[in-house]
């Protein structure tokens, strides 16, 4: 009985640690700033574009948009390609999907151990 409880605690602990590891703070920090989300939406609308095109319809100055793009790049939400002296940005869909799927997988794993479903 004690071995079974110890095993359950170990499985729960592993599930919790995996869930915590999947919660990349840079990813969430990048998405919690409304101005940065507006930049991301603009990149989504334009597809592959440089900072001048992205900043054109936004209220922030180009340098501010550039800093927001760097945060999105560091969080692997967008990717950048340098062509000559210009940097082009686009949404990194596969990276975002992989990150969200990982979060979902680990959250489902921990929910089974800590948050059993209840009927209303």
Protein backbone atom coordinates (compact mmCIF):
# COMPACT_ATOMS: atom_id res chain seq x y z
CA UNK A 1 0.00 0.00 0.00
CA UNK A 2 2.79 2.43 0.92
CA UNK A 3 4.69 1.50 -2.25
CA UNK A 4 1.57 2.20 -4.32
CA UNK A 5 1.07 5.61 -2.68
CA UNK A 6 4.74 6.41 -3.16
CA UNK A 7 4.48 5.44 -6.82
CA UNK A 8 1.38 7.63 -7.28
CA UNK A 9 3.16 10.57 -5.65
CA UNK A 10 6.15 10.03 -7.93
CA UNK A 11 3.95 9.92 -11.05
CA UNK A 12 2.11 13.05 -9.89
CA UNK A 13 5.41 14.82 -9.17
CA UNK A 14 6.74 13.92 -12.61
CA UNK A 15 3.53 15.17 -14.25
CA UNK A 16 3.73 18.44 -12.32
CA UNK A 17 7.40 18.95 -13.22
CA UNK A 18 6.69 18.27 -16.91
CA UNK A 19 3.77 20.73 -16.87
CA UNK A 20 5.87 23.41 -15.19
CA UNK A 21 8.69 22.89 -17.70
CA UNK A 22 6.24 23.37 -20.58
CA UNK A 23 5.21 26.79 -19.27
CA UNK A 24 7.81 28.93 -21.02
CA UNK A 25 7.62 32.34 -19.35
CA UNK A 26 9.11 34.11 -22.41
CA UNK A 27 6.26 32.80 -24.56
CA UNK A 28 3.57 34.06 -22.18
CA UNK A 29 5.38 37.33 -21.43
CA UNK A 30 5.57 38.03 -25.15
CA UNK A 31 1.82 37.57 -25.51
CA UNK A 32 0.71 39.54 -22.44
CA UNK A 33 1.55 43.00 -23.83
CA UNK A 34 -1.36 44.43 -25.90
CA UNK A 35 0.93 46.49 -28.15
CA UNK A 36 3.01 43.39 -28.88
CA UNK A 37 -0.11 41.39 -29.69
CA UNK A 38 -1.06 44.18 -32.12
CA UNK A 39 2.36 43.78 -33.77
CA UNK A 40 1.81 40.01 -33.98
CA UNK A 41 -1.63 40.53 -35.53
CA UNK A 42 -0.07 42.84 -38.11
CA UNK A 43 2.55 40.21 -38.98
CA UNK A 44 -0.27 37.67 -39.35
CA UNK A 45 -2.14 40.00 -41.71
CA UNK A 46 0.89 40.83 -43.84
CA UNK A 47 2.65 37.50 -43.90
CA UNK A 48 6.37 37.89 -44.51
CA UNK A 49 7.21 41.59 -44.06
CA UNK A 50 9.92 43.96 -42.91
CA UNK A 51 9.66 46.25 -39.89
CA UNK A 52 8.74 49.27 -42.04
CA UNK A 53 5.70 47.51 -43.49
CA UNK A 54 4.71 46.09 -40.10
CA UNK A 55 4.99 49.48 -38.38
CA UNK A 56 3.18 51.39 -41.14
CA UNK A 57 -0.34 51.05 -39.67
CA UNK A 58 0.61 50.85 -36.01
CA UNK A 59 0.66 53.84 -33.63
CA UNK A 60 4.14 53.02 -32.29
CA UNK A 61 7.33 54.27 -33.86
CA UNK A 62 9.33 51.87 -35.96
CA UNK A 63 12.00 51.45 -33.26
CA UNK A 64 9.36 50.40 -30.72
CA UNK A 65 7.84 47.93 -33.20
CA UNK A 66 11.33 46.58 -33.82
CA UNK A 67 11.81 45.95 -30.09
CA UNK A 68 8.44 44.18 -29.92
CA UNK A 69 9.47 42.01 -32.87
CA UNK A 70 12.68 41.10 -31.05
CA UNK A 71 10.70 39.92 -28.02
CA UNK A 72 8.43 37.86 -30.30
CA UNK A 73 11.52 36.46 -32.03
CA UNK A 74 13.17 35.55 -28.70
CA UNK A 75 9.96 33.77 -27.68
CA UNK A 76 9.94 31.85 -30.99
CA UNK A 77 6.57 33.27 -31.98
CA UNK A 78 7.96 34.87 -35.14
CA UNK A 79 11.00 33.97 -37.19
CA UNK A 80 13.25 36.33 -39.09
CA UNK A 81 15.11 36.06 -42.35
CA UNK A 82 17.79 38.52 -43.37
CA UNK A 83 17.87 39.50 -47.04
CA UNK A 84 20.67 41.92 -47.75
CA UNK A 85 20.35 44.60 -45.09
CA UNK A 86 16.66 43.99 -44.43
CA UNK A 87 15.13 41.66 -41.87
CA UNK A 88 11.83 40.02 -42.78
CA UNK A 89 9.51 38.64 -40.11
CA UNK A 90 6.77 36.02 -40.29
CA UNK A 91 4.76 34.01 -37.80
CA UNK A 92 6.47 30.76 -36.80
CA UNK A 93 3.31 28.65 -36.91
CA UNK A 94 4.91 25.24 -36.40
CA UNK A 95 6.82 26.46 -33.32
CA UNK A 96 3.68 28.02 -31.81
CA UNK A 97 1.62 24.89 -32.46
CA UNK A 98 4.30 22.63 -30.97
CA UNK A 99 4.53 24.81 -27.86
CA UNK A 100 0.75 24.93 -27.36
CA UNK A 101 0.41 21.17 -27.95
CA UNK A 102 3.12 20.56 -25.35
CA UNK A 103 1.36 22.78 -22.83
CA UNK A 104 -1.96 21.02 -23.52
CA UNK A 105 -0.41 17.55 -23.22
CA UNK A 106 1.27 18.31 -19.91
CA UNK A 107 -1.78 20.12 -18.53
CA UNK A 108 -3.96 17.11 -19.36
CA UNK A 109 -1.41 14.87 -17.64
CA UNK A 110 -1.43 16.89 -14.45
CA UNK A 111 -5.21 17.43 -14.47
CA UNK A 112 -5.72 13.69 -14.17
CA UNK A 113 -3.73 13.75 -10.90
CA UNK A 114 -4.76 16.99 -9.27
CA UNK A 115 -8.04 18.14 -10.73
CA UNK A 116 -10.50 15.28 -11.22
CA UNK A 117 -13.61 16.20 -13.19
CA UNK A 118 -16.69 16.88 -11.11
CA UNK A 119 -20.26 16.78 -12.24
CA UNK A 120 -22.47 19.78 -11.62
